[in-house]
Amino acid sequence: MRITLLRAAGLFALALGVRVLLLLLYPDPAYVDSYYYVNVARALSTGHGFSIDFIWTFVDVGGHLPAHPLLPIPSNAHWMPLASLVQVPFLVVLGASAFASALPFALIGALAAPMTWAFAREAGCRPSVALGGAILAALPAGLTPFMAQPDNFALFQVLVLAALWLGARALRGDARAFAAAGVLVGLATLARNDGVLVGAALALVWIWSRLRARRAGAAGTQAPPALPAWAAVVAVGLFLAVMAPWEARQLAVFGSLSPSSSSGRILWIRSIGELNSITGTPTLASFFGQGIGPLIASRITGFLQAVTIFSVLVGGILLAPFMVGGAWLRRHSSDFLPFLLYAGLLFAFSGLVSAVHVPNGTFIHSGAALAPLAYLLALEAVVAVVAWVARHRPTWNAESAGRVFVGGIIGISLFGAVYFTTNVHDTWGHERDLDQAVGAALGAHGAAPDDVVMSLDTGAIKYWTGHPGVVAPNDPIDTIESVARAYDARWLYVERSDAVAALGPILDGSGRPGWIGAPVWSVTGTTATTDAGLYPICFSASDPRCTVLAGSAGGRS
């Protein structure tokens, strides 16, 4: 018992050390999701409730330009609240710092390593596989830089792992474990909407246990008892108890249990561009109206993209085929059945329902939850391959060779994790530097604290500059102008690598409408083109920012 606790503590310390190092290397939020969660958490910690003073996409306000455009707005019409809620106690105690926002995710995420090891022991995995899987969970290949981000990666991974673990115990006859899983499914859903897929997988586990018991009874063989009906009732009840307060808030604030889905811009869009538009209304009819060919092609593409993303970010390419092999080897295992069911549902959902969203991060947030048990399956397959080779090489000791190859695979994967993290941090650092420079330019040119900035990543602008913001919709320039007027936007920030089509030409100095002034700050790239620029928005001919500042743009290269 003492050795077991020490091993678990050591694995937790390893995983936590990795995540703390990630915080030291890059402490701030880095992309749309994490900026959103941090900004909401800061509003909560300062007594402003679930609110934000920026619009990251118009699904947050019904998918169209509201009749009465106002900032701030109620938050979380689309994203779930848990990733913001866990930050609040840390922000209250430690202050509104990047470290305070990220620390709970490091602490919670570090649980994945000892949990993976403990699960493997219960599932009968070899010690080298159990330890190796836990180490890989501590540094999960291409997922590594995301594991300390104030996002739902770490939360969802640990909650789903725990729920699937209880599902495995339930298949061994533990009805109380199945009932308790309802709490974890509820918390997972508070982290991500598609947490309900975990519940669906566990529902299939319950059905399977009853079918298995019935077949065993008919054949006169032994099998664990069927999960009782009360276990399912309690699980559902606990799930509803966890979800009820949040859904009550959604109904009270938005009049809908799923506000962003009610506009059609989540479920019925045919391309990601429609998500960021405010014209037209995607419906079920328009979705099927695209024709059977494009519909099937988009579903296949979404599924293949999900497989590719998982293979690269979770499998680090090298481990991906071994994961498939391990799943085949363990296809009859009750321990891995909940995992295999959830994985099947997730990939099917990604291909059939959320195919358009897969390349934009929807899948990998959920796919991260598959990583710990997928690593165990991969290493099981490595050991099986080594054992097969050893049978044809009398000089090999299968056990020793298995440990050597498992260690080698882990070493290569860890090297890949370090390489990928370095490159991702470089990319994030470049975007951070641009956003900070925009903040400095706004200050240098007299922007008032409440000046609204139109941009593509309004959460980042809010985090780095403090300015409220409204997103530029993916629509013609006249529609963008109507949004700017509605929210009294005073500044426009355009970045070539992240601009809607109508704003891209502005960076080249062509097609700039009269309501957009000359750039007050710009960045020139290596090809002598303008890569980013900050422009005053002037709806009055007497606005001095467009009459005085024109032609006085500052810049850097």
Protein backbone atom coordinates (compact mmCIF):
# COMPACT_ATOMS: atom_id res chain seq x y z
CA MET A 1 0.00 0.00 0.00
CA ARG A 2 2.79 2.42 0.85
CA ILE A 3 4.57 1.72 -2.45
CA THR A 4 1.31 2.20 -4.35
CA LEU A 5 0.70 5.59 -2.74
CA LEU A 6 4.28 6.67 -3.35
CA ARG A 7 4.04 5.66 -7.02
CA ALA A 8 0.77 7.56 -7.44
CA ALA A 9 2.21 10.61 -5.68
CA GLY A 10 5.34 10.46 -7.82
CA LEU A 11 3.31 10.36 -11.03
CA PHE A 12 1.17 13.27 -9.86
CA ALA A 13 4.33 15.24 -9.04
CA LEU A 14 5.75 14.46 -12.49
CA ALA A 15 2.60 15.58 -14.28
CA LEU A 16 2.26 18.67 -12.10
CA GLY A 17 5.91 19.55 -12.68
CA VAL A 18 5.37 19.39 -16.43
CA ARG A 19 2.35 21.65 -16.19
CA VAL A 20 4.03 24.16 -13.89
CA LEU A 21 6.95 24.29 -16.32
CA LEU A 22 4.46 25.00 -19.11
CA LEU A 23 3.04 27.84 -17.01
CA LEU A 24 6.48 29.31 -16.51
CA LEU A 25 7.23 29.07 -20.23
CA TYR A 26 3.88 30.48 -21.35
CA PRO A 27 1.60 31.59 -18.50
CA ASP A 28 -1.12 33.42 -20.45
CA PRO A 29 -4.18 32.26 -22.38
CA ALA A 30 -3.31 31.80 -26.02
CA TYR A 31 -6.37 31.37 -28.24
CA VAL A 32 -10.09 32.12 -28.49
CA ASP A 33 -11.37 29.53 -26.02
CA SER A 34 -8.91 30.20 -23.23
CA TYR A 35 -9.27 33.98 -23.57
CA TYR A 36 -13.02 33.60 -23.25
CA TYR A 37 -12.86 31.43 -20.12
CA VAL A 38 -10.39 33.79 -18.43
CA ASN A 39 -12.38 36.91 -19.22
CA VAL A 40 -15.57 35.33 -17.86
CA ALA A 41 -13.72 34.13 -14.74
CA ARG A 42 -12.40 37.64 -14.09
CA ALA A 43 -15.91 39.06 -14.42
CA LEU A 44 -17.18 36.49 -11.93
CA SER A 45 -14.35 37.14 -9.47
CA THR A 46 -15.05 40.88 -9.48
CA GLY A 47 -18.78 40.50 -8.90
CA HIS A 48 -19.98 41.13 -12.46
CA GLY A 49 -21.51 37.69 -12.87
CA PHE A 50 -21.58 35.73 -16.11
CA SER A 51 -20.95 38.64 -18.47
CA ILE A 52 -18.45 39.81 -21.07
CA ASP A 53 -17.98 43.16 -22.77
CA PHE A 54 -17.01 41.72 -26.14
CA ILE A 55 -18.68 39.64 -28.82
CA TRP A 56 -16.45 36.80 -30.01
CA THR A 57 -19.07 35.55 -32.48
CA PHE A 58 -22.69 36.47 -33.01
CA VAL A 59 -23.96 33.06 -31.89
CA ASP A 60 -23.62 34.61 -28.43
CA VAL A 61 -26.41 37.10 -29.29
CA GLY A 62 -28.70 34.98 -31.44
CA GLY A 63 -26.72 34.69 -34.67
CA HIS A 64 -27.76 38.11 -36.00
CA LEU A 65 -27.20 41.78 -35.25
CA PRO A 66 -29.45 42.40 -32.23
CA ALA A 67 -32.26 44.93 -32.43
CA HIS A 68 -30.71 46.71 -29.44
CA PRO A 69 -26.92 46.18 -29.63
CA LEU A 70 -25.32 46.59 -26.22
CA LEU A 71 -22.14 45.73 -24.36
CA PRO A 72 -21.58 43.99 -22.02
CA ILE A 73 -23.68 40.92 -22.79
CA PRO A 74 -24.59 37.79 -20.81
CA SER A 75 -21.85 35.23 -21.33
CA ASN A 76 -21.89 31.52 -22.06
CA ALA A 77 -24.65 31.30 -24.62
CA HIS A 78 -22.39 28.76 -26.33
CA TRP A 79 -19.55 27.65 -24.05
CA MET A 80 -20.15 25.83 -20.78
CA PRO A 81 -19.14 27.41 -17.44
CA LEU A 82 -16.90 24.97 -15.57
CA ALA A 83 -13.58 26.16 -17.04
CA SER A 84 -14.37 29.65 -15.77
CA LEU A 85 -15.82 28.58 -12.42
CA VAL A 86 -12.74 26.64 -11.31
CA GLN A 87 -10.60 29.77 -11.77
CA VAL A 88 -12.68 32.00 -9.51
CA PRO A 89 -11.36 30.89 -6.07
CA PHE A 90 -7.77 31.19 -7.30
CA LEU A 91 -8.40 34.66 -8.76
CA VAL A 92 -10.00 35.82 -5.53
CA VAL A 93 -7.10 34.57 -3.38
CA LEU A 94 -4.14 35.18 -5.73
CA GLY A 95 -5.41 38.14 -7.74
CA ALA A 96 -6.20 38.51 -11.43
CA SER A 97 -2.99 37.03 -12.79
CA ALA A 98 -2.31 34.57 -15.60
CA PHE A 99 -0.78 32.15 -13.10
CA ALA A 100 -3.91 32.22 -10.91
CA SER A 101 -6.11 31.42 -13.91
CA ALA A 102 -3.95 28.52 -15.11
CA LEU A 103 -3.05 26.95 -11.75
CA PRO A 104 -6.31 25.00 -11.21
CA PHE A 105 -5.93 23.37 -14.61
CA ALA A 106 -2.38 22.30 -13.78
CA LEU A 107 -3.52 20.80 -10.47
CA ILE A 108 -6.57 19.04 -11.89
CA GLY A 109 -4.86 17.91 -15.09
CA ALA A 110 -1.96 16.37 -13.15
CA LEU A 111 -4.41 13.80 -11.77
CA ALA A 112 -4.54 12.15 -15.20
CA ALA A 113 -1.15 10.46 -14.75
CA PRO A 114 -1.80 8.59 -11.45
CA MET A 115 -5.36 7.83 -12.56
CA THR A 116 -4.08 6.25 -15.77
CA TRP A 117 -1.63 4.12 -13.79
CA ALA A 118 -4.28 3.04 -11.28
CA PHE A 119 -6.77 2.19 -14.03
CA ALA A 120 -4.13 0.11 -15.81
CA ARG A 121 -3.45 -1.88 -12.64
CA GLU A 122 -7.15 -2.69 -12.28
CA ALA A 123 -7.37 -3.59 -15.97
CA GLY A 124 -4.54 -6.11 -15.64
CA CYS A 125 -1.99 -4.24 -17.77
CA ARG A 126 1.69 -5.09 -17.40
CA PRO A 127 3.59 -2.84 -14.96
CA SER A 128 5.65 -1.36 -17.81
CA VAL A 129 2.46 -0.53 -19.72
CA ALA A 130 0.80 1.01 -16.66
CA LEU A 131 3.82 3.16 -15.86
CA GLY A 132 4.46 4.06 -19.49
CA GLY A 133 0.83 5.07 -20.06
CA ALA A 134 0.95 7.30 -16.99
CA ILE A 135 4.14 9.00 -18.20
CA LEU A 136 2.58 9.63 -21.59
CA ALA A 137 -0.49 11.09 -19.84
CA ALA A 138 1.88 13.47 -18.05
CA LEU A 139 3.33 14.62 -21.42
CA PRO A 140 0.60 13.80 -23.93
CA ALA A 141 2.37 14.28 -27.28
CA GLY A 142 0.97 17.20 -29.28
CA LEU A 143 -1.56 17.97 -26.57
CA THR A 144 1.16 18.95 -24.10
CA PRO A 145 1.10 22.76 -24.58
CA PHE A 146 -2.69 22.80 -24.13
CA MET A 147 -2.71 20.94 -20.83
CA ALA A 148 -1.85 24.01 -18.74
CA GLN A 149 -4.08 26.39 -20.70
CA PRO A 150 -7.11 27.83 -18.86
CA ASP A 151 -9.36 25.77 -21.11
CA ASN A 152 -11.41 22.61 -20.68
CA PHE A 153 -8.72 20.17 -21.93
CA ALA A 154 -7.49 19.17 -18.46
CA LEU A 155 -10.94 19.27 -16.85
CA PHE A 156 -12.62 17.17 -19.49
CA GLN A 157 -9.79 14.65 -19.68
CA VAL A 158 -9.83 13.89 -15.95
CA LEU A 159 -13.62 13.87 -15.63
CA VAL A 160 -14.12 11.56 -18.60
CA LEU A 161 -11.30 9.26 -17.48
CA ALA A 162 -12.94 8.98 -14.05
CA ALA A 163 -16.39 8.35 -15.55
CA LEU A 164 -15.10 5.62 -17.88
CA TRP A 165 -13.20 4.07 -14.99
CA LEU A 166 -16.43 3.86 -12.97
CA GLY A 167 -18.11 2.38 -16.04
CA ALA A 168 -15.46 -0.35 -16.14
CA ARG A 169 -16.02 -1.08 -12.45
CA ALA A 170 -19.75 -1.24 -13.07
CA LEU A 171 -19.23 -3.97 -15.66
CA ARG A 172 -17.49 -5.97 -12.95
CA GLY A 173 -20.70 -5.78 -10.92
CA ASP A 174 -20.33 -2.52 -8.98
CA ALA A 175 -23.74 -0.85 -9.29
CA ARG A 176 -22.76 1.98 -6.94
CA ALA A 177 -19.91 2.93 -9.27
CA PHE A 178 -22.36 3.22 -12.15
CA ALA A 179 -24.71 5.38 -10.10
CA ALA A 180 -21.88 7.68 -9.00
CA ALA A 181 -20.79 8.15 -12.61
CA GLY A 182 -23.84 10.39 -13.09
CA VAL A 183 -22.08 13.15 -11.14
CA LEU A 184 -18.98 12.91 -13.34
CA VAL A 185 -21.02 12.97 -16.55
CA GLY A 186 -22.79 16.09 -15.27
CA LEU A 187 -19.51 17.81 -14.48
CA ALA A 188 -18.07 16.75 -17.85
CA THR A 189 -21.11 18.31 -19.55
CA LEU A 190 -20.59 21.50 -17.57
CA ALA A 191 -17.10 21.52 -19.07
CA ARG A 192 -18.21 20.69 -22.61
CA ASN A 193 -21.61 20.33 -24.23
CA ASP A 194 -20.67 17.00 -25.77
CA GLY A 195 -20.01 15.56 -22.33
CA VAL A 196 -23.44 14.01 -22.79
CA LEU A 197 -21.74 11.54 -25.16
CA VAL A 198 -20.01 10.06 -22.11
CA GLY A 199 -23.45 9.55 -20.62
CA ALA A 200 -24.58 7.89 -23.85
CA ALA A 201 -21.60 5.52 -23.70
CA LEU A 202 -22.43 4.61 -20.10
CA ALA A 203 -26.07 4.04 -21.07
CA LEU A 204 -24.80 1.51 -23.61
CA VAL A 205 -22.70 -0.05 -20.83
CA TRP A 206 -25.86 -0.50 -18.74
CA ILE A 207 -27.71 -2.11 -21.66
CA TRP A 208 -24.74 -4.34 -22.43
CA SER A 209 -24.51 -5.56 -18.83
CA ARG A 210 -28.14 -6.65 -18.92
CA LEU A 211 -27.81 -8.36 -22.29
CA ARG A 212 -24.66 -10.12 -21.12
CA ALA A 213 -26.36 -11.39 -17.97
CA ARG A 214 -29.36 -12.59 -19.95
CA ARG A 215 -27.18 -14.49 -22.43
CA ALA A 216 -25.13 -16.01 -19.62
CA GLY A 217 -28.30 -17.16 -17.87
CA ALA A 218 -29.62 -18.76 -21.03
CA ALA A 219 -26.32 -20.53 -21.62
CA GLY A 220 -25.88 -21.55 -18.00
CA THR A 221 -22.53 -19.76 -17.68
CA GLN A 222 -21.18 -17.34 -15.10
CA ALA A 223 -21.16 -13.56 -15.67
CA PRO A 224 -21.20 -10.48 -13.45
CA PRO A 225 -24.75 -9.55 -12.41
CA ALA A 226 -26.73 -7.17 -14.58
CA LEU A 227 -26.64 -3.56 -13.49
CA PRO A 228 -29.92 -2.88 -11.71
CA ALA A 229 -32.47 -0.33 -12.83
CA TRP A 230 -31.96 1.70 -9.65
CA ALA A 231 -28.33 2.34 -10.62
CA ALA A 232 -29.45 3.92 -13.91
CA VAL A 233 -32.16 5.95 -12.18
CA VAL A 234 -29.72 7.30 -9.58
CA ALA A 235 -27.11 8.07 -12.26
CA VAL A 236 -29.64 10.05 -14.30
CA GLY A 237 -30.89 11.79 -11.17
CA LEU A 238 -27.39 12.84 -10.14
CA PHE A 239 -26.65 14.05 -13.67
CA LEU A 240 -29.80 16.19 -13.65
CA ALA A 241 -29.01 17.52 -10.18
CA VAL A 242 -25.59 18.69 -11.36
CA MET A 243 -26.95 20.24 -14.55
CA ALA A 244 -30.18 21.77 -13.19
CA PRO A 245 -28.78 25.05 -11.76
CA TRP A 246 -26.97 25.87 -14.98
CA GLU A 247 -29.87 24.99 -17.25
CA ALA A 248 -32.17 27.06 -15.04
CA ARG A 249 -29.83 30.01 -15.57
CA GLN A 250 -29.82 29.45 -19.35
CA LEU A 251 -33.61 29.40 -19.43
CA ALA A 252 -33.85 32.52 -17.28
CA VAL A 253 -31.28 34.51 -19.28
CA PHE A 254 -31.69 33.21 -22.84
CA GLY A 255 -35.00 31.37 -22.79
CA SER A 256 -33.35 28.21 -24.09
CA LEU A 257 -31.45 25.23 -22.70
CA SER A 258 -28.98 25.51 -25.59
CA PRO A 259 -29.03 29.16 -26.72
CA SER A 260 -26.35 29.00 -29.42
CA SER A 261 -27.95 25.97 -31.08
CA SER A 262 -31.36 27.64 -31.36
CA SER A 263 -30.08 30.08 -33.99
CA GLY A 264 -29.09 27.27 -36.37
CA ARG A 265 -25.52 28.54 -36.66
CA ILE A 266 -24.13 25.59 -34.74
CA LEU A 267 -26.00 22.58 -36.11
CA TRP A 268 -27.09 23.61 -39.60
CA ILE A 269 -24.15 25.51 -41.09
CA ARG A 270 -22.57 24.14 -44.25
CA SER A 271 -19.20 25.84 -43.78
CA ILE A 272 -17.41 27.50 -40.89
CA GLY A 273 -17.85 30.83 -42.66
CA GLU A 274 -21.59 30.66 -41.94
CA LEU A 275 -20.84 30.46 -38.22
CA ASN A 276 -19.21 33.90 -38.36
CA SER A 277 -21.88 35.46 -40.58
CA ILE A 278 -24.94 37.43 -39.50
CA THR A 279 -26.84 37.19 -42.80
CA GLY A 280 -29.32 34.48 -43.62
CA THR A 281 -30.60 31.86 -41.20
CA PRO A 282 -29.18 28.33 -41.43
CA THR A 283 -31.99 25.79 -41.05
CA LEU A 284 -32.45 22.07 -41.40
CA ALA A 285 -33.93 22.69 -44.83
CA SER A 286 -30.94 24.75 -46.01
CA PHE A 287 -28.59 22.14 -44.53
CA PHE A 288 -30.12 19.34 -46.59
CA GLY A 289 -30.62 21.71 -49.50
CA GLN A 290 -26.89 21.67 -50.23
CA GLY A 291 -27.37 18.32 -51.98
CA ILE A 292 -26.47 14.77 -51.11
CA GLY A 293 -22.99 14.97 -52.68
CA PRO A 294 -21.67 17.94 -50.67
CA LEU A 295 -23.42 16.65 -47.55
CA ILE A 296 -21.75 13.23 -47.70
CA ALA A 297 -18.41 14.76 -48.69
CA SER A 298 -18.45 17.11 -45.69
CA ARG A 299 -19.27 14.23 -43.31
CA ILE A 300 -16.46 12.08 -44.67
CA THR A 301 -14.07 15.02 -44.54
CA GLY A 302 -15.02 15.79 -40.94
CA PHE A 303 -14.45 12.19 -39.87
CA LEU A 304 -11.10 11.97 -41.65
CA GLN A 305 -10.01 15.27 -40.15
CA ALA A 306 -10.93 13.98 -36.68
CA VAL A 307 -8.84 10.85 -37.28
CA THR A 308 -5.92 12.92 -38.54
CA ILE A 309 -6.05 15.40 -35.66
CA PHE A 310 -6.22 12.58 -33.13
CA SER A 311 -3.38 10.69 -34.79
CA VAL A 312 -1.11 13.74 -34.79
CA LEU A 313 -1.93 15.53 -31.54
CA VAL A 314 -2.76 12.56 -29.31
CA GLY A 315 -0.89 9.77 -31.06
CA GLY A 316 2.11 11.82 -32.11
CA ILE A 317 1.79 9.88 -35.41
CA LEU A 318 4.01 7.07 -34.09
CA LEU A 319 1.53 5.77 -31.52
CA ALA A 320 -1.59 6.00 -33.69
CA PRO A 321 -1.36 2.57 -35.41
CA PHE A 322 -0.50 0.91 -32.09
CA MET A 323 -3.63 2.49 -30.56
CA VAL A 324 -5.74 0.77 -33.21
CA GLY A 325 -3.91 -2.49 -32.62
CA GLY A 326 -4.37 -2.25 -28.87
CA ALA A 327 -8.09 -1.55 -29.28
CA TRP A 328 -8.38 -4.73 -31.34
CA LEU A 329 -6.48 -6.76 -28.75
CA ARG A 330 -8.73 -5.45 -25.97
CA ARG A 331 -11.98 -5.53 -27.93
CA HIS A 332 -13.46 -8.13 -25.55
CA SER A 333 -12.22 -6.44 -22.38
CA SER A 334 -14.87 -5.14 -19.99
CA ASP A 335 -12.29 -2.70 -18.63
CA PHE A 336 -11.89 -0.94 -21.96
CA LEU A 337 -15.45 -1.37 -23.26
CA PRO A 338 -16.72 2.01 -21.89
CA PHE A 339 -13.70 3.70 -23.49
CA LEU A 340 -14.24 1.99 -26.84
CA LEU A 341 -17.93 2.90 -26.80
CA TYR A 342 -17.19 6.53 -26.00
CA ALA A 343 -14.48 6.71 -28.67
CA GLY A 344 -16.86 5.28 -31.25
CA LEU A 345 -19.59 7.74 -30.34
CA LEU A 346 -17.19 10.68 -30.38
CA PHE A 347 -15.77 9.89 -33.82
CA ALA A 348 -19.27 9.21 -35.17
CA PHE A 349 -20.55 12.49 -33.71
CA SER A 350 -17.58 14.34 -35.24
CA GLY A 351 -18.31 12.90 -38.66
CA LEU A 352 -22.10 13.07 -38.67
CA VAL A 353 -22.98 16.13 -36.58
CA SER A 354 -20.03 18.47 -35.96
CA ALA A 355 -18.01 17.77 -39.11
CA VAL A 356 -17.73 21.45 -40.07
CA HIS A 357 -16.42 22.35 -36.61
CA VAL A 358 -13.78 19.60 -36.37
CA PRO A 359 -10.83 21.56 -37.90
CA ASN A 360 -11.57 24.52 -35.61
CA GLY A 361 -10.87 22.69 -32.37
CA THR A 362 -14.22 21.11 -31.46
CA PHE A 363 -12.98 17.55 -31.79
CA ILE A 364 -9.58 17.77 -30.14
CA HIS A 365 -11.01 19.28 -26.95
CA SER A 366 -13.09 16.13 -26.54
CA GLY A 367 -10.51 13.84 -28.14
CA ALA A 368 -8.04 14.79 -25.42
CA ALA A 369 -10.17 12.75 -23.02
CA LEU A 370 -9.31 9.62 -25.02
CA ALA A 371 -5.56 10.11 -24.59
CA PRO A 372 -4.82 8.32 -21.27
CA LEU A 373 -6.52 5.02 -22.12
CA ALA A 374 -5.45 5.25 -25.76
CA TYR A 375 -1.84 5.35 -24.54
CA LEU A 376 -2.38 2.17 -22.52
CA LEU A 377 -3.82 0.44 -25.59
CA ALA A 378 -0.88 1.60 -27.72
CA LEU A 379 1.68 0.24 -25.29
CA GLU A 380 -0.26 -3.02 -24.98
CA ALA A 381 0.07 -3.37 -28.74
CA VAL A 382 3.81 -2.59 -28.60
CA VAL A 383 4.31 -5.35 -26.03
CA ALA A 384 2.24 -7.77 -28.14
CA VAL A 385 4.31 -7.04 -31.25
CA VAL A 386 7.54 -7.53 -29.33
CA ALA A 387 6.24 -10.81 -27.91
CA TRP A 388 5.37 -12.02 -31.42
CA VAL A 389 8.86 -11.16 -32.68
CA ALA A 390 10.44 -12.80 -29.64
CA ARG A 391 8.72 -16.08 -30.48
CA HIS A 392 10.71 -16.08 -33.73
CA ARG A 393 13.96 -14.96 -32.10
CA PRO A 394 15.06 -17.44 -29.42
CA THR A 395 17.75 -15.05 -28.17
CA TRP A 396 15.16 -12.47 -27.17
CA ASN A 397 13.63 -12.30 -23.72
CA ALA A 398 10.09 -11.14 -24.43
CA GLU A 399 9.64 -9.44 -21.05
CA SER A 400 12.92 -7.53 -21.17
CA ALA A 401 12.56 -6.66 -24.84
CA GLY A 402 9.03 -5.42 -24.18
CA ARG A 403 10.25 -3.01 -21.51
CA VAL A 404 13.02 -1.77 -23.82
CA PHE A 405 10.67 -1.08 -26.73
CA VAL A 406 8.04 0.50 -24.48
CA GLY A 407 10.76 2.77 -23.10
CA GLY A 408 11.93 3.63 -26.60
CA ILE A 409 8.44 4.48 -27.80
CA ILE A 410 7.90 6.67 -24.74
CA GLY A 411 11.23 8.43 -25.29
CA ILE A 412 10.42 9.24 -28.91
CA SER A 413 6.95 10.45 -27.94
CA LEU A 414 8.33 12.71 -25.21
CA PHE A 415 10.86 14.21 -27.63
CA GLY A 416 7.97 14.93 -30.01
CA ALA A 417 6.00 16.55 -27.17
CA VAL A 418 8.89 18.91 -26.42
CA TYR A 419 9.42 19.76 -30.10
CA PHE A 420 5.71 20.41 -30.69
CA THR A 421 5.37 22.51 -27.54
CA THR A 422 8.30 24.70 -28.53
CA ASN A 423 6.78 25.43 -31.93
CA VAL A 424 3.32 26.08 -30.53
CA HIS A 425 4.70 28.47 -27.91
CA ASP A 426 6.54 30.35 -30.66
CA THR A 427 3.29 30.77 -32.59
CA TRP A 428 1.38 31.86 -29.50
CA GLY A 429 4.19 34.26 -28.58
CA HIS A 430 4.00 35.94 -31.98
CA GLU A 431 0.25 36.51 -31.61
CA ARG A 432 0.72 37.77 -28.04
CA ASP A 433 3.35 40.27 -29.18
CA LEU A 434 1.00 41.61 -31.86
CA ASP A 435 -1.86 42.00 -29.40
CA GLN A 436 0.35 43.77 -26.89
CA ALA A 437 1.59 46.08 -29.62
CA VAL A 438 -2.01 46.88 -30.55
CA GLY A 439 -2.63 47.83 -26.93
CA ALA A 440 0.38 50.14 -26.95
CA ALA A 441 -0.75 51.73 -30.20
CA LEU A 442 -4.24 52.34 -28.84
CA GLY A 443 -2.75 54.05 -25.81
CA ALA A 444 -0.35 56.10 -27.90
CA HIS A 445 -3.17 57.41 -30.09
CA GLY A 446 -5.50 58.48 -27.33
CA ALA A 447 -7.98 55.61 -27.25
CA ALA A 448 -10.38 55.93 -24.32
CA PRO A 449 -10.68 52.88 -22.04
CA ASP A 450 -14.22 52.19 -23.26
CA ASP A 451 -13.44 52.54 -26.98
CA VAL A 452 -14.82 49.48 -28.78
CA VAL A 453 -12.31 47.66 -31.00
CA MET A 454 -13.53 45.60 -33.94
CA SER A 455 -11.31 42.59 -34.60
CA LEU A 456 -11.41 38.85 -35.21
CA ASP A 457 -10.18 37.78 -31.77
CA THR A 458 -12.03 40.12 -29.44
CA GLY A 459 -11.27 38.03 -26.35
CA ALA A 460 -7.54 38.47 -26.91
CA ILE A 461 -7.93 42.21 -27.44
CA LYS A 462 -9.94 42.46 -24.23
CA TYR A 463 -7.32 40.46 -22.29
CA TRP A 464 -4.28 42.39 -23.54
CA THR A 465 -5.69 45.89 -23.97
CA GLY A 466 -8.73 46.04 -21.69
CA HIS A 467 -10.89 47.36 -24.53
CA PRO A 468 -14.39 46.04 -25.21
CA GLY A 469 -14.81 44.58 -28.66
CA VAL A 470 -17.06 43.30 -31.40
CA VAL A 471 -16.12 40.70 -33.97
CA ALA A 472 -16.05 41.57 -37.66
CA PRO A 473 -18.62 39.19 -39.22
CA ASN A 474 -17.82 37.13 -42.28
CA ASP A 475 -20.01 39.25 -44.53
CA PRO A 476 -19.71 42.04 -47.13
CA ILE A 477 -18.15 45.33 -46.08
CA ASP A 478 -21.56 47.05 -45.86
CA THR A 479 -22.69 44.52 -43.26
CA ILE A 480 -19.46 44.96 -41.34
CA GLU A 481 -20.08 48.71 -41.38
CA SER A 482 -23.57 48.21 -39.93
CA VAL A 483 -22.06 46.20 -37.06
CA ALA A 484 -19.43 48.85 -36.42
CA ARG A 485 -22.09 51.56 -36.33
CA ALA A 486 -24.40 49.52 -34.11
CA TYR A 487 -21.74 49.02 -31.45
CA ASP A 488 -20.12 52.43 -31.98
CA ALA A 489 -16.78 50.75 -32.76
CA ARG A 490 -13.91 53.26 -32.72
CA TRP A 491 -11.03 51.12 -33.95
CA LEU A 492 -10.46 48.28 -36.37
CA TYR A 493 -7.65 45.75 -35.98
CA VAL A 494 -6.96 43.58 -39.03
CA GLU A 495 -4.44 40.74 -39.20
CA ARG A 496 -3.75 39.18 -42.59
CA SER A 497 -3.57 35.61 -41.28
CA ASP A 498 -6.89 36.00 -39.46
CA ALA A 499 -9.16 38.33 -41.42
CA VAL A 500 -12.53 37.92 -43.07
CA ALA A 501 -12.48 38.27 -46.85
CA ALA A 502 -14.01 41.75 -46.93
CA LEU A 503 -11.30 43.23 -44.67
CA GLY A 504 -8.25 41.56 -46.19
CA PRO A 505 -7.79 44.09 -49.04
CA ILE A 506 -7.63 46.95 -46.51
CA LEU A 507 -4.14 45.81 -45.54
CA ASP A 508 -3.04 46.27 -49.14
CA GLY A 509 -4.31 49.85 -49.18
CA SER A 510 -7.06 49.06 -51.66
CA GLY A 511 -10.78 49.11 -51.14
CA ARG A 512 -10.65 51.00 -47.86
CA PRO A 513 -14.10 52.55 -47.37
CA GLY A 514 -14.55 56.10 -46.16
CA TRP A 515 -15.49 55.12 -42.64
CA ILE A 516 -12.08 53.50 -42.07
CA GLY A 517 -9.18 55.91 -41.66
CA ALA A 518 -5.51 55.48 -42.54
CA PRO A 519 -3.57 53.05 -40.32
CA VAL A 520 -2.11 54.48 -37.13
CA TRP A 521 0.04 51.40 -36.61
CA SER A 522 1.05 48.55 -38.85
CA VAL A 523 3.39 45.60 -39.16
CA THR A 524 5.32 44.91 -42.33
CA GLY A 525 6.14 41.28 -43.05
CA THR A 526 9.17 39.69 -44.67
CA THR A 527 7.59 40.09 -48.12
CA ALA A 528 7.16 43.87 -47.65
CA THR A 529 3.39 43.48 -47.34
CA THR A 530 1.39 44.77 -44.40
CA ASP A 531 0.62 41.81 -42.13
CA ALA A 532 -1.42 43.68 -39.51
CA GLY A 533 -2.79 47.16 -38.99
CA LEU A 534 -4.80 49.29 -36.58
CA TYR A 535 -7.25 51.74 -38.16
CA PRO A 536 -9.50 54.42 -36.70
CA ILE A 537 -13.19 54.06 -37.48
CA CYS A 538 -14.76 57.44 -38.21
CA PHE A 539 -18.46 57.92 -38.86
CA SER A 540 -18.11 61.68 -38.64
CA ALA A 541 -16.22 63.73 -41.18
CA SER A 542 -14.93 65.93 -38.37
CA ASP A 543 -13.43 63.05 -36.40
CA PRO A 544 -9.85 64.24 -35.76
CA ARG A 545 -8.49 60.69 -35.72
CA CYS A 546 -9.11 60.40 -39.44
CA THR A 547 -8.25 63.98 -40.35
CA VAL A 548 -5.19 64.47 -38.15
CA LEU A 549 -3.78 60.98 -37.98
CA ALA A 550 -4.09 60.19 -41.65
CA GLY A 551 -0.67 59.63 -43.10
CA SER A 552 1.04 59.51 -39.69
CA ALA A 553 1.02 55.75 -39.28
CA GLY A 554 3.60 54.20 -37.06
CA GLY A 555 4.89 50.75 -37.84
CA ARG A 556 7.44 48.05 -37.28
CA SER A 557 8.86 45.20 -39.24
